[in-house]
């Protein structure tokens, strides 16, 4: 029988690409429907990283395979009511920002994804959370930006003049950028960067992760790849 997984995405770049890779693999290898819930920040970040087309392949738009955007939902989050109606076999939040983890830890349900978690627990749907900030130091992948020390301020500027979204001035407007990488390929001075950066996890974020580990109905996973292990219990 076809299983249905709800996927909650929040506004983190860390683990974002690998989370998409895991869900693409799940769709290709299993008879499963994926219904996706995006926070308002996730809507922007998914676009920045150029993953909108990939999301359409994972959640095609049919019933229980829709993409629900927080910016298009009412404050009563009516779509999360499905978690009370035996529609889902699991809810997986990946990546989960420290903000969303904090909301879950302290029982706040004022966003689409945090409300989905609350309703899933109430409806007996198992919840799996992949926090981006667990402990120590994490290596996160940044979206595209211009390295000012390398930029020669060329005029004409091929990256700026060929950007399909007019996202480039003296910097890249990430709210317009779709992560297509055309600019990176066109810059003769390798001034457009996007890559790894080392980030220290705040103590309060690490404590909140420990709190949700103790909550009923919620399991914390260390990385998106761990989702493949829990599939044995879901599918």
Protein backbone atom coordinates (compact mmCIF):
# COMPACT_ATOMS: atom_id res chain seq x y z
CA UNK A 1 0.00 0.00 0.00
CA UNK A 2 1.27 3.48 -0.87
CA UNK A 3 2.67 5.33 2.13
CA UNK A 4 2.49 9.09 2.64
CA UNK A 5 5.24 11.15 4.23
CA UNK A 6 4.88 14.79 5.20
CA UNK A 7 8.09 16.75 4.71
CA UNK A 8 8.62 19.99 6.59
CA UNK A 9 11.32 22.34 5.30
CA UNK A 10 12.53 25.36 7.25
CA UNK A 11 14.84 28.20 6.26
CA UNK A 12 18.30 26.68 6.62
CA UNK A 13 20.90 26.25 3.90
CA UNK A 14 22.76 23.65 5.97
CA UNK A 15 21.50 20.14 5.12
CA UNK A 16 19.13 21.60 2.52
CA UNK A 17 20.71 20.11 -0.61
CA UNK A 18 21.34 16.74 1.06
CA UNK A 19 17.73 16.66 2.31
CA UNK A 20 16.53 17.14 -1.26
CA UNK A 21 18.85 14.35 -2.36
CA UNK A 22 17.43 11.97 0.22
CA UNK A 23 13.82 12.71 -0.70
CA UNK A 24 14.61 12.35 -4.41
CA UNK A 25 16.09 8.93 -3.61
CA UNK A 26 13.06 7.94 -1.56
CA UNK A 27 10.72 8.87 -4.41
CA UNK A 28 12.75 6.91 -6.95
CA UNK A 29 13.10 3.76 -4.85
CA UNK A 30 9.78 3.47 -3.01
CA UNK A 31 6.03 3.66 -3.57
CA UNK A 32 5.56 6.77 -1.49
CA UNK A 33 3.79 10.12 -1.66
CA UNK A 34 5.50 13.22 -0.29
CA UNK A 35 3.41 16.18 0.87
CA UNK A 36 5.70 19.16 1.52
CA UNK A 37 5.21 22.00 4.03
CA UNK A 38 7.49 25.06 3.59
CA UNK A 39 8.02 27.76 6.18
CA UNK A 40 8.11 31.31 4.85
CA UNK A 41 11.91 31.36 5.22
CA UNK A 42 12.17 28.00 3.45
CA UNK A 43 10.31 29.42 0.45
CA UNK A 44 13.12 31.96 0.02
CA UNK A 45 16.00 29.59 0.75
CA UNK A 46 14.76 26.85 -1.59
CA UNK A 47 14.67 29.46 -4.36
CA UNK A 48 18.15 30.81 -3.47
CA UNK A 49 19.64 27.35 -3.78
CA UNK A 50 17.93 26.69 -7.12
CA UNK A 51 15.84 23.76 -5.85
CA UNK A 52 12.32 24.79 -6.91
CA UNK A 53 12.27 22.49 -9.95
CA UNK A 54 13.54 19.58 -7.87
CA UNK A 55 10.77 20.17 -5.33
CA UNK A 56 8.16 19.87 -8.08
CA UNK A 57 9.55 16.43 -8.92
CA UNK A 58 9.32 15.29 -5.29
CA UNK A 59 5.85 16.74 -4.63
CA UNK A 60 4.00 16.77 -7.95
CA UNK A 61 0.90 18.63 -6.75
CA UNK A 62 -1.60 15.77 -6.68
CA UNK A 63 -3.61 15.05 -3.54
CA UNK A 64 -1.26 14.32 -0.61
CA UNK A 65 1.63 15.33 -2.86
CA UNK A 66 1.01 19.07 -2.70
CA UNK A 67 3.49 21.78 -1.75
CA UNK A 68 1.99 23.95 0.98
CA UNK A 69 3.60 27.38 1.38
CA UNK A 70 3.34 29.21 4.69
CA UNK A 71 2.74 32.51 2.90
CA UNK A 72 -0.39 31.04 1.33
CA UNK A 73 -1.86 29.58 4.52
CA UNK A 74 -4.17 31.21 7.03
CA UNK A 75 -3.04 31.67 10.62
CA UNK A 76 -5.22 28.74 11.67
CA UNK A 77 -2.98 26.51 9.49
CA UNK A 78 -5.96 24.49 8.20
CA UNK A 79 -3.87 22.06 6.15
CA UNK A 80 -2.16 20.75 9.28
CA UNK A 81 -5.52 19.35 10.33
CA UNK A 82 -4.75 16.41 8.06
CA UNK A 83 -2.42 15.07 10.75
CA UNK A 84 -5.51 14.31 12.85
CA UNK A 85 -7.20 12.38 10.04
CA UNK A 86 -4.85 9.40 9.63
CA UNK A 87 -3.46 10.71 6.33
CA UNK A 88 0.27 10.45 7.06
CA UNK A 89 2.68 7.70 8.07
CA UNK A 90 5.35 10.13 9.31
CA UNK A 91 6.36 13.78 9.45
CA UNK A 92 10.02 14.51 8.73
CA UNK A 93 11.43 18.00 9.39
CA UNK A 94 14.68 18.52 7.53
CA UNK A 95 16.46 20.82 7.71
CA UNK A 96 15.14 22.17 11.02
CA UNK A 97 16.46 25.60 11.96
CA UNK A 98 17.32 26.50 15.55
CA UNK A 99 14.25 28.76 15.49
CA UNK A 100 11.92 25.88 14.64
CA UNK A 101 13.62 23.58 17.14
CA UNK A 102 13.10 26.23 19.82
CA UNK A 103 9.40 26.47 18.96
CA UNK A 104 9.01 22.69 19.17
CA UNK A 105 10.96 22.50 22.43
CA UNK A 106 8.75 25.07 24.12
CA UNK A 107 5.40 24.08 22.66
CA UNK A 108 4.99 27.03 20.30
CA UNK A 109 2.97 26.28 17.17
CA UNK A 110 2.73 29.66 15.44
CA UNK A 111 4.25 28.72 12.08
CA UNK A 112 3.24 26.20 9.42
CA UNK A 113 5.98 23.70 10.27
CA UNK A 114 5.82 24.02 14.06
CA UNK A 115 2.04 23.66 13.90
CA UNK A 116 2.43 20.57 11.72
CA UNK A 117 4.62 19.07 14.45
CA UNK A 118 2.05 19.87 17.15
CA UNK A 119 -0.82 18.37 15.15
CA UNK A 120 1.21 15.31 14.16
CA UNK A 121 2.00 14.52 17.81
CA UNK A 122 -1.66 15.00 18.74
CA UNK A 123 -2.68 12.69 15.90
CA UNK A 124 -0.18 9.96 16.79
CA UNK A 125 1.94 10.53 13.66
CA UNK A 126 5.65 9.88 14.37
CA UNK A 127 7.81 12.98 13.95
CA UNK A 128 11.48 12.96 12.94
CA UNK A 129 13.55 16.14 13.21
CA UNK A 130 16.98 16.85 11.66
CA UNK A 131 18.31 19.96 13.45
CA UNK A 132 21.00 22.01 11.76
CA UNK A 133 22.48 23.07 15.12
CA UNK A 134 23.02 20.08 17.38
CA UNK A 135 26.33 20.78 19.12
CA UNK A 136 29.91 21.93 18.52
CA UNK A 137 30.72 23.27 15.07
CA UNK A 138 28.87 22.72 11.78
CA UNK A 139 30.00 23.28 8.21
CA UNK A 140 27.24 25.01 6.28
CA UNK A 141 26.92 25.73 2.56
CA UNK A 142 26.29 29.37 1.68
CA UNK A 143 24.31 30.64 -1.35
CA UNK A 144 26.04 32.72 -4.03
CA UNK A 145 27.63 36.03 -3.14
CA UNK A 146 30.27 38.41 -4.56
CA UNK A 147 33.74 38.41 -2.99
CA UNK A 148 34.51 42.14 -2.97
CA UNK A 149 38.27 41.59 -2.78
CA UNK A 150 38.14 39.72 -6.09
CA UNK A 151 35.52 41.76 -7.93
CA UNK A 152 37.03 44.06 -10.57
CA UNK A 153 33.83 46.09 -11.00
CA UNK A 154 33.83 45.36 -14.71
CA UNK A 155 31.62 47.42 -17.00
CA UNK A 156 30.07 45.72 -18.83
CA UNK A 157 29.72 42.98 -16.21
CA UNK A 158 28.76 39.63 -17.82
CA UNK A 159 27.28 38.12 -14.62
CA UNK A 160 25.14 41.20 -13.97
CA UNK A 161 24.09 41.68 -17.57
CA UNK A 162 23.11 38.04 -18.06
CA UNK A 163 21.36 37.38 -14.76
CA UNK A 164 17.84 36.20 -15.71
CA UNK A 165 16.41 37.64 -12.49
CA UNK A 166 18.22 41.01 -12.39
CA UNK A 167 19.55 40.00 -8.99
CA UNK A 168 23.04 41.52 -9.30
CA UNK A 169 24.16 45.06 -8.56
CA UNK A 170 27.28 45.51 -6.43
CA UNK A 171 26.10 42.39 -4.60
CA UNK A 172 23.62 39.58 -5.19
CA UNK A 173 20.07 40.12 -4.00
CA UNK A 174 19.32 36.71 -2.53
CA UNK A 175 15.59 37.37 -2.52
CA UNK A 176 15.76 37.50 -6.32
CA UNK A 177 18.46 34.88 -6.86
CA UNK A 178 17.34 31.39 -7.92
CA UNK A 179 20.75 29.73 -7.60
CA UNK A 180 21.09 29.07 -11.33
CA UNK A 181 24.91 29.69 -11.18
CA UNK A 182 24.99 31.50 -14.53
CA UNK A 183 26.82 34.39 -12.86
CA UNK A 184 29.47 32.14 -11.35
CA UNK A 185 30.31 30.65 -14.73
CA UNK A 186 30.47 34.06 -16.43
CA UNK A 187 32.79 35.82 -13.96
CA UNK A 188 36.34 35.89 -15.35
CA UNK A 189 37.81 36.70 -11.94
CA UNK A 190 36.15 33.94 -9.89
CA UNK A 191 34.60 36.63 -7.71
CA UNK A 192 31.24 34.91 -7.27
CA UNK A 193 31.39 32.44 -4.45
CA UNK A 194 29.09 29.99 -2.76
CA UNK A 195 30.46 27.38 -0.47
CA UNK A 196 31.27 26.03 2.99
CA UNK A 197 31.57 28.15 6.12
CA UNK A 198 32.28 27.04 9.70
CA UNK A 199 29.63 27.98 12.28
CA UNK A 200 29.63 27.53 16.06
CA UNK A 201 26.45 26.11 17.57
CA UNK A 202 25.05 28.29 20.37
CA UNK A 203 24.63 26.67 23.78
CA UNK A 204 20.92 27.52 23.86
CA UNK A 205 20.35 25.82 20.50
CA UNK A 206 22.15 22.68 21.67
CA UNK A 207 19.99 22.66 24.85
CA UNK A 208 16.80 22.94 22.83
CA UNK A 209 17.81 19.91 20.79
CA UNK A 210 18.26 17.97 24.04
CA UNK A 211 14.78 19.06 25.13
CA UNK A 212 13.04 17.78 22.00
CA UNK A 213 14.89 14.47 22.30
CA UNK A 214 12.83 13.88 25.43
CA UNK A 215 9.46 14.84 23.95
CA UNK A 216 6.87 12.17 23.28
CA UNK A 217 6.41 11.24 19.64
CA UNK A 218 9.55 13.04 18.39
CA UNK A 219 12.84 11.46 17.30
CA UNK A 220 15.95 13.54 16.58
CA UNK A 221 18.18 12.49 13.69
CA UNK A 222 21.73 13.78 13.31
CA UNK A 223 21.78 14.07 9.52
CA UNK A 224 19.43 13.66 6.53
CA UNK A 225 21.05 10.36 5.58
CA UNK A 226 19.66 8.85 8.80
CA UNK A 227 16.19 9.14 7.25
CA UNK A 228 17.01 6.11 5.11
CA UNK A 229 17.45 4.01 8.26
CA UNK A 230 14.08 4.94 9.73
CA UNK A 231 12.31 4.16 6.46
CA UNK A 232 12.34 0.51 7.46
CA UNK A 233 9.82 1.35 10.18
CA UNK A 234 7.75 3.69 7.98
CA UNK A 235 7.46 1.97 4.61
